Every structure is written in C-alpha cells, then in structure tokens.
Amino acid sequence: MTKPFTYSDAGVDIDAATRATDKIKELARRTFNQQTLSEIGSFGGMFDGAFPSLKQPVLVASADGVGTKLKIAFITGVHNTIGRDLVNHCVNDILVQGARPLFFLDYIATGKLLPEVVAGIVEGIANGCRENGCVLLGGETAEMPDFYSAGEYDVAGFVVGVADREKVIDGKRILPGDVLLALPSVGLHTNGYSLARKLFFEVAGYKVDTQLDDVGMTVGVALLQPHVSYLKPLEGLLDTGMIKGLAHITGGGLTDNIPRILPEGAAVEIDKGAWPVLPVFNLMQDLGNVSEAEMYRTFNMGVGMIIVASAQDRQSVEAHLQQQGATVFQVGRVIKGNKEVSIQ
C-alpha cells in the first residue's frame, strides 16, 4: 500500500507557518491605529479611507525590495534590519510626491520557513512602520521548497500613502536658477550591492568580519548600514510649497534619479565636493579602479535625498531641516538643458 503523503513530505511545514504568523500578528498589532479595520490573518487588510483634513486625497503607492543586500543578511545572520530598510525605501519613494504613508504590506518567500528568521524580518518591518507612522496591514509568507537555496529568502514591500492633490510635489515648477539641497545617506542604503559584494569579497578577498580601518567598521557592519527614512525631517515642509521637487537617490545614483523629476528645458549641475563622500565609497572605488562616472551612476555617494527649492526659499528650507536635527548641503543648481545631470 502506498504511504500517505502530506504537505510536509513535499517540504512545506504548515505548523512552522502558523508559528510564524502568530509572531507576525503580535508585531503588526504594535503598528495599528484607529484607521486599521482588520486583523492580520484576514484575506485582505482593511483601512479606513476617510481623509477629512484633505480637500482632494490622492493615493500614492509603491513597491520595492532590498536587492542583493539580502546576501549580507544571509552571511552575517542579521535578519532584523532588512525589514526596516525595506519600509524606509518604500516610504521615501512616495515621499518624493509629498505623500505620507498610510499602510504597508510585505511579501516574504523562502525555501524552508524558519519562524525565528521570519520573525526577525518582520520585527524590522514593524519597527520601520512605527517609525514612519504607518500600519503593517498584512502580507504573505510563502514557503517554496527547491526554489531558494538553504538559508535564503526574498522580501518585497508595498506601501500606500496619501497626499492632497493641490499639494502634490511633481517637479513641474522647477526652473533654472533653483538650488539643489542634499540630505546625506549613512551608507549604500539598498542599492549597488552586486558591485559592492564583488569588490569586497571577490576582488579584495575580504570576509564580513574584516575590519576596514578607513571606514571604522567591519565589512558586514558597513554593508548593513540602514536605509534612512527622510519623512520626519521633511514632514513640516511638504505642504508649504517651498519644495519644488524631491529625488530619492536609489539605483541609478545621482545621474539617473534626478532627471526623473525635471521638467522639459531643465538640467542640473552638481558640485563635486559640496558634501562629504562616505569613506566606504572611496574604498570601493580604489579596490576596483571604478570610474567616477560608474560610481555616481551605481551608488548614492553619500546623498540619500535631493531637494529642489527656489534660491529665495533655500534658507527657510535649510533652517527647518536643521531644526529637525538634519544635516543639509547645497550641492548644485538647476540650469537650462534637457534633463541632463553634470557633475563638476
């Protein structure tokens, strides 16, 4: 007689999924607010869509992942920071249009579900949601045997925010003569890791615990530096009209992200040396003899968010950011052109 097979015989552990879900529920509830209308475990998450303080509410949504930064989490065994990176990346993506985050959904897929690893990931997601004032409304955890290598997983995030239509930041008011201000990053954030891993681990032969004297930390710590959220320092400026454009510096660096917000007839000049490039970027450039153009197109080079404002509003914007404890640099200007970025 043929042995009766179960789902666990095929590599899927429903009991492990249940244990993980119980922990996720506990973490998610810490992010709930009065607009949260459902519990984790429902087929769909429900959120109150009434926005009485906004004249014309516009929903703004974005989805993203953290790329091969996950590989650093795998080899270091540190899983409780990746989720926060994910939330902050997604929040920054809708922030550039002036939207505040409402709720967040996550997707975690792995070959073998380890409840403690999933709990670590979701702990980071919940922390990021709380820090950004949004609800972890739901998500999906998928166990797919033979699809991922042992100990590996993928994670993606989906954020929905809201902005008032008349206060949406879309870059259309940007003009030659406007100035570019920069909010600094604290590391690679979540981009450029395929090249970074090649430089550190293949070219230089470093390990995650190799101490980088010029950087002041180990390779693993340097590569797990958090992706910063810029919501709090920018919050009080979003509705003032002083911000004409915002560019989140992610994949594509300064050269490819800034043109995404420029109107026709506008280009940008960046003053190299106007801000401190983080030592980790200088080290990577030296390790691989990487060209300057490649560095500025692959990495953020120490800039996490670009703000475009009129020259008249520059001091007011800077003063607000400094009052919030943020460091800000004037790094360039808008000129006539066709959406090019030149770094001089």
Protein backbone atom coordinates (compact mmCIF):
# COMPACT_ATOMS: atom_id res chain seq x y z
CA MET A 1 0.00 0.00 0.00
CA THR A 2 1.34 3.45 -0.90
CA LYS A 3 2.42 5.57 2.06
CA PRO A 4 0.03 8.51 2.64
CA PHE A 5 1.91 11.69 1.79
CA THR A 6 1.45 15.06 3.46
CA TYR A 7 2.37 18.61 2.55
CA SER A 8 5.35 18.37 4.93
CA ASP A 9 6.68 15.43 2.90
CA ALA A 10 6.89 17.88 -0.01
CA GLY A 11 8.86 20.32 2.15
CA VAL A 12 6.11 22.68 3.31
CA ASP A 13 5.69 22.96 7.09
CA ILE A 14 2.24 24.38 7.84
CA ASP A 15 2.90 24.24 11.60
CA ALA A 16 6.00 26.41 11.16
CA ALA A 17 3.94 28.85 9.11
CA THR A 18 1.37 29.02 11.90
CA ARG A 19 4.07 29.77 14.49
CA ALA A 20 5.50 32.50 12.27
CA THR A 21 2.05 34.00 11.71
CA ASP A 22 1.38 34.16 15.45
CA LYS A 23 4.57 36.17 15.94
CA ILE A 24 3.76 38.39 12.96
CA LYS A 25 0.34 39.20 14.42
CA GLU A 26 1.96 40.31 17.67
CA LEU A 27 4.46 42.55 15.86
CA ALA A 28 1.90 44.00 13.44
CA ARG A 29 -0.60 44.96 16.15
CA ARG A 30 2.01 47.35 17.57
CA THR A 31 1.66 49.41 14.38
CA PHE A 32 -2.15 49.57 14.28
CA ASN A 33 -4.06 52.83 14.59
CA GLN A 34 -7.69 53.98 14.57
CA GLN A 35 -7.93 53.60 10.79
CA THR A 36 -6.98 49.92 10.94
CA LEU A 37 -10.15 47.88 10.41
CA SER A 38 -8.85 44.31 10.16
CA GLU A 39 -6.56 41.85 11.91
CA ILE A 40 -3.54 40.10 10.46
CA GLY A 41 -4.78 36.80 9.04
CA SER A 42 -7.73 38.18 7.11
CA PHE A 43 -7.79 37.53 3.38
CA GLY A 44 -7.46 41.26 2.83
CA GLY A 45 -6.37 44.15 5.02
CA MET A 46 -8.93 46.91 5.60
CA PHE A 47 -8.10 50.55 6.21
CA ASP A 48 -10.48 53.48 6.75
CA GLY A 49 -10.35 55.59 3.58
CA ALA A 50 -11.79 58.80 5.03
CA PHE A 51 -9.42 61.79 4.97
CA PRO A 52 -11.47 64.77 6.23
CA SER A 53 -8.43 67.04 6.53
CA LEU A 54 -7.60 66.74 2.82
CA LYS A 55 -9.53 68.55 0.07
CA GLN A 56 -8.74 66.06 -2.69
CA PRO A 57 -6.99 62.97 -1.32
CA VAL A 58 -4.71 61.22 -3.80
CA LEU A 59 -3.43 57.73 -3.01
CA VAL A 60 0.24 57.15 -3.84
CA ALA A 61 1.59 53.59 -3.95
CA SER A 62 4.99 52.00 -4.48
CA ALA A 63 6.59 48.56 -4.34
CA ASP A 64 10.24 47.62 -3.95
CA GLY A 65 12.76 45.21 -2.49
CA VAL A 66 16.22 45.47 -0.98
CA GLY A 67 18.12 43.68 -3.73
CA THR A 68 21.25 41.69 -3.01
CA LYS A 69 21.74 43.42 0.32
CA LEU A 70 19.88 40.29 1.41
CA LYS A 71 23.08 38.33 0.73
CA ILE A 72 24.77 40.29 3.54
CA ALA A 73 21.95 39.36 5.90
CA PHE A 74 22.39 35.70 4.94
CA ILE A 75 26.13 35.55 5.61
CA THR A 76 26.02 37.67 8.79
CA GLY A 77 22.91 36.05 10.22
CA VAL A 78 21.46 39.52 10.92
CA HIS A 79 17.83 39.50 9.76
CA ASN A 80 16.15 42.18 11.89
CA THR A 81 17.38 45.23 9.95
CA ILE A 82 16.45 44.29 6.38
CA GLY A 83 12.74 44.87 7.04
CA ARG A 84 13.34 48.41 8.29
CA ASP A 85 15.42 49.12 5.17
CA LEU A 86 12.53 47.88 3.05
CA VAL A 87 9.96 50.12 4.72
CA ASN A 88 12.19 53.20 4.61
CA HIS A 89 12.97 52.67 0.92
CA CYS A 90 9.28 52.43 0.03
CA VAL A 91 8.33 55.39 2.23
CA ASN A 92 10.99 57.57 0.57
CA ASP A 93 9.66 56.59 -2.85
CA ILE A 94 6.21 58.03 -2.14
CA LEU A 95 7.59 60.89 -0.05
CA VAL A 96 9.06 62.47 -3.19
CA GLN A 97 5.49 63.20 -4.33
CA GLY A 98 4.56 64.67 -0.97
CA ALA A 99 2.70 61.61 0.32
CA ARG A 100 2.62 60.41 3.91
CA PRO A 101 2.49 56.62 4.36
CA LEU A 102 -0.77 55.02 5.47
CA PHE A 103 -0.12 51.29 5.44
CA PHE A 104 2.44 48.71 4.36
CA LEU A 105 2.24 45.13 3.06
CA ASP A 106 5.11 42.66 2.88
CA TYR A 107 5.91 39.51 0.93
CA ILE A 108 8.48 37.01 2.25
CA ALA A 109 9.38 33.91 0.24
CA THR A 110 11.81 31.19 1.31
CA GLY A 111 12.71 27.58 0.58
CA LYS A 112 12.30 26.41 4.18
CA LEU A 113 10.35 28.55 6.59
CA LEU A 114 12.27 29.24 9.80
CA PRO A 115 9.92 31.05 12.21
CA GLU A 116 12.77 32.83 14.03
CA VAL A 117 14.17 34.23 10.77
CA VAL A 118 10.76 35.37 9.54
CA ALA A 119 10.10 36.93 12.94
CA GLY A 120 13.39 38.84 12.66
CA ILE A 121 12.48 40.17 9.22
CA VAL A 122 9.01 41.23 10.34
CA GLU A 123 10.43 42.78 13.51
CA GLY A 124 12.42 45.12 11.27
CA ILE A 125 9.36 45.83 9.11
CA ALA A 126 7.25 46.62 12.19
CA ASN A 127 9.96 48.89 13.58
CA GLY A 128 10.13 50.74 10.27
CA CYS A 129 6.35 51.10 10.15
CA ARG A 130 6.18 52.51 13.68
CA GLU A 131 8.99 54.99 12.97
CA ASN A 132 7.19 56.19 9.84
CA GLY A 133 3.73 56.27 11.40
CA CYS A 134 2.20 53.66 9.10
CA VAL A 135 0.33 50.43 9.73
CA LEU A 136 1.64 46.96 8.90
CA LEU A 137 -1.70 45.92 7.44
CA GLY A 138 -0.93 42.48 6.05
CA GLY A 139 1.34 40.41 3.89
CA GLU A 140 2.26 36.98 2.64
CA THR A 141 4.79 34.39 3.77
CA ALA A 142 5.47 31.74 1.13
CA GLU A 143 7.40 28.51 1.68
CA MET A 144 8.63 27.19 -1.68
CA PRO A 145 10.90 24.13 -1.37
CA ASP A 146 13.64 23.77 -4.01
CA PHE A 147 13.06 27.34 -5.21
CA TYR A 148 15.54 29.09 -2.88
CA SER A 149 18.91 27.89 -1.61
CA ALA A 150 19.13 26.80 2.03
CA GLY A 151 19.04 29.78 4.39
CA GLU A 152 17.97 32.23 1.70
CA TYR A 153 14.80 34.22 1.17
CA ASP A 154 13.44 37.18 -0.73
CA VAL A 155 11.39 40.05 0.65
CA ALA A 156 9.36 42.76 -1.04
CA GLY A 157 7.30 45.63 0.29
CA PHE A 158 4.28 47.60 -0.83
CA VAL A 159 3.34 50.98 0.64
CA VAL A 160 0.25 53.14 0.18
CA GLY A 161 0.24 56.78 1.20
CA VAL A 162 -1.88 59.88 0.70
CA ALA A 163 -1.32 63.42 -0.46
CA ASP A 164 -3.60 66.38 -1.08
CA ARG A 165 -3.89 66.81 -4.85
CA GLU A 166 -3.17 70.54 -4.79
CA LYS A 167 -0.02 69.92 -2.74
CA VAL A 168 1.46 67.02 -4.70
CA ILE A 169 5.17 67.53 -5.42
CA ASP A 170 5.76 66.72 -9.08
CA GLY A 171 8.71 68.84 -10.21
CA LYS A 172 6.65 70.83 -12.73
CA ARG A 173 7.53 74.15 -11.04
CA ILE A 174 11.31 73.55 -11.24
CA LEU A 175 13.10 76.38 -13.09
CA PRO A 176 16.66 77.32 -13.98
CA GLY A 177 18.11 79.18 -11.01
CA ASP A 178 16.62 76.82 -8.42
CA VAL A 179 19.04 75.22 -5.98
CA LEU A 180 19.69 71.60 -5.06
CA LEU A 181 19.98 70.64 -1.40
CA ALA A 182 21.08 67.21 -0.24
CA LEU A 183 20.21 65.11 2.80
CA PRO A 184 23.03 62.64 3.49
CA SER A 185 22.88 58.86 3.44
CA VAL A 186 24.65 56.68 6.01
CA GLY A 187 25.84 54.00 3.60
CA LEU A 188 24.83 52.19 0.43
CA HIS A 189 21.18 52.13 1.55
CA THR A 190 19.72 49.35 -0.66
CA ASN A 191 21.47 49.83 -3.99
CA GLY A 192 24.71 48.83 -5.68
CA TYR A 193 25.22 45.66 -3.65
CA SER A 194 26.03 43.40 -6.59
CA LEU A 195 29.06 45.55 -7.38
CA ALA A 196 29.88 46.13 -3.71
CA ARG A 197 29.90 42.39 -2.96
CA LYS A 198 32.12 41.73 -5.97
CA LEU A 199 34.61 44.40 -4.86
CA PHE A 200 34.78 43.40 -1.21
CA PHE A 201 34.51 39.63 -1.41
CA GLU A 202 35.95 38.71 -4.82
CA VAL A 203 38.40 41.47 -5.73
CA ALA A 204 39.70 42.25 -2.23
CA GLY A 205 39.05 38.79 -0.74
CA TYR A 206 37.58 40.28 2.43
CA LYS A 207 35.24 38.48 4.85
CA VAL A 208 32.25 40.03 6.59
CA ASP A 209 34.32 40.39 9.77
CA THR A 210 37.28 42.07 8.05
CA GLN A 211 37.95 45.40 9.75
CA LEU A 212 38.01 48.38 7.40
CA ASP A 213 40.29 50.91 9.04
CA ASP A 214 39.36 53.75 6.67
CA VAL A 215 35.67 53.14 7.29
CA GLY A 216 35.90 52.42 11.01
CA MET A 217 33.85 49.22 10.98
CA THR A 218 33.80 45.71 9.59
CA VAL A 219 32.69 44.89 6.05
CA GLY A 220 29.47 43.32 7.37
CA VAL A 221 28.57 46.32 9.52
CA ALA A 222 29.39 48.76 6.71
CA LEU A 223 27.18 46.90 4.25
CA LEU A 224 24.28 46.61 6.70
CA GLN A 225 24.14 50.33 7.47
CA PRO A 226 20.46 51.32 7.42
CA HIS A 227 18.49 52.87 4.60
CA VAL A 228 17.39 56.19 6.11
CA SER A 229 13.82 57.49 6.01
CA TYR A 230 13.58 61.22 5.27
CA LEU A 231 9.94 61.58 6.26
CA LYS A 232 10.47 63.18 9.67
CA PRO A 233 12.85 65.97 8.63
CA LEU A 234 10.75 66.80 5.54
CA GLU A 235 7.32 66.45 7.17
CA GLY A 236 6.89 70.14 8.03
CA LEU A 237 7.92 71.25 4.53
CA LEU A 238 5.71 69.05 2.37
CA ASP A 239 2.66 71.35 2.39
CA THR A 240 4.47 74.71 2.32
CA GLY A 241 5.07 74.91 -1.42
CA MET A 242 8.76 75.59 -0.81
CA ILE A 243 9.78 72.17 -2.10
CA LYS A 244 9.56 72.08 -5.88
CA GLY A 245 10.97 68.59 -6.31
CA LEU A 246 12.36 65.63 -4.40
CA ALA A 247 14.53 62.81 -5.77
CA HIS A 248 15.21 59.63 -3.80
CA ILE A 249 18.75 58.57 -4.72
CA THR A 250 18.48 54.83 -5.29
CA GLY A 251 19.55 52.59 -8.19
CA GLY A 252 21.00 54.83 -10.87
CA GLY A 253 22.55 57.19 -8.36
CA LEU A 254 22.54 60.95 -8.76
CA THR A 255 22.86 60.89 -12.53
CA ASP A 256 19.78 58.77 -13.27
CA ASN A 257 17.39 59.67 -10.45
CA ILE A 258 17.40 63.47 -10.58
CA PRO A 259 16.24 63.62 -14.24
CA ARG A 260 13.09 61.71 -13.25
CA ILE A 261 11.70 64.87 -11.61
CA LEU A 262 12.95 67.52 -14.06
CA PRO A 263 10.55 69.24 -16.46
CA GLU A 264 11.41 69.89 -20.10
CA GLY A 265 14.03 72.59 -20.52
CA ALA A 266 15.74 71.95 -17.19
CA ALA A 267 19.06 70.29 -16.37
CA VAL A 268 21.24 70.11 -13.29
CA GLU A 269 24.82 70.91 -12.33
CA ILE A 270 26.20 69.09 -9.28
CA ASP A 271 29.22 70.49 -7.44
CA LYS A 272 31.51 67.59 -6.61
CA GLY A 273 33.00 68.15 -3.17
CA ALA A 274 29.96 70.07 -1.88
CA TRP A 275 29.23 67.21 0.52
CA PRO A 276 31.41 64.56 2.22
CA VAL A 277 31.51 61.34 0.18
CA LEU A 278 31.38 58.46 2.66
CA PRO A 279 34.67 56.56 3.09
CA VAL A 280 33.05 53.27 2.04
CA PHE A 281 32.54 54.65 -1.47
CA ASN A 282 36.13 55.88 -1.77
CA LEU A 283 37.35 52.47 -0.65
CA MET A 284 35.23 50.62 -3.20
CA GLN A 285 36.40 52.91 -5.98
CA ASP A 286 40.03 52.21 -5.06
CA LEU A 287 39.51 48.45 -4.71
CA GLY A 288 38.11 48.05 -8.22
CA ASN A 289 39.60 51.04 -10.01
CA VAL A 290 35.98 52.01 -10.67
CA SER A 291 35.50 55.08 -12.84
CA GLU A 292 33.96 58.17 -11.30
CA ALA A 293 31.06 58.05 -13.76
CA GLU A 294 30.31 54.45 -12.78
CA MET A 295 30.42 55.30 -9.07
CA TYR A 296 27.96 58.19 -9.42
CA ARG A 297 25.60 56.08 -11.50
CA THR A 298 25.70 53.00 -9.26
CA PHE A 299 25.87 54.37 -5.71
CA ASN A 300 24.30 57.27 -3.80
CA MET A 301 27.81 58.58 -2.93
CA GLY A 302 26.63 59.87 0.44
CA VAL A 303 23.40 61.55 -0.74
CA GLY A 304 20.07 59.94 0.11
CA MET A 305 17.59 62.62 -0.93
CA ILE A 306 17.80 65.67 -3.21
CA ILE A 307 15.57 68.69 -2.57
CA VAL A 308 14.90 71.30 -5.25
CA ALA A 309 13.85 74.74 -4.00
CA SER A 310 13.99 78.31 -5.24
CA ALA A 311 17.03 80.34 -4.29
CA GLN A 312 14.71 82.61 -2.27
CA ASP A 313 13.40 79.70 -0.18
CA ARG A 314 16.77 77.99 0.34
CA GLN A 315 17.50 79.50 3.75
CA SER A 316 14.00 78.73 5.07
CA VAL A 317 14.25 75.12 3.93
CA GLU A 318 17.71 74.73 5.43
CA ALA A 319 16.61 76.30 8.71
CA HIS A 320 13.66 73.91 9.03
CA LEU A 321 15.84 70.86 8.33
CA GLN A 322 18.46 71.98 10.81
CA GLN A 323 15.77 72.50 13.46
CA GLN A 324 14.80 68.86 12.88
CA GLY A 325 18.39 67.83 13.57
CA ALA A 326 19.12 67.05 9.91
CA THR A 327 22.35 67.85 8.14
CA VAL A 328 21.86 69.54 4.77
CA PHE A 329 24.25 70.56 1.99
CA GLN A 330 23.77 72.85 -1.01
CA VAL A 331 25.12 70.68 -3.81
CA GLY A 332 24.12 72.27 -7.11
CA ARG A 333 21.71 74.21 -9.22
CA VAL A 334 19.14 73.92 -12.00
CA ILE A 335 20.20 75.26 -15.39
CA LYS A 336 18.72 75.30 -18.89
CA GLY A 337 19.02 71.97 -20.67
CA ASN A 338 17.33 68.69 -21.46
CA LYS A 339 17.18 66.75 -18.18
CA GLU A 340 20.94 66.11 -18.05
CA VAL A 341 22.97 65.89 -14.85
CA SER A 342 26.57 67.07 -14.97
CA ILE A 343 28.91 66.56 -12.03
CA GLN A 344 31.78 69.06 -11.91
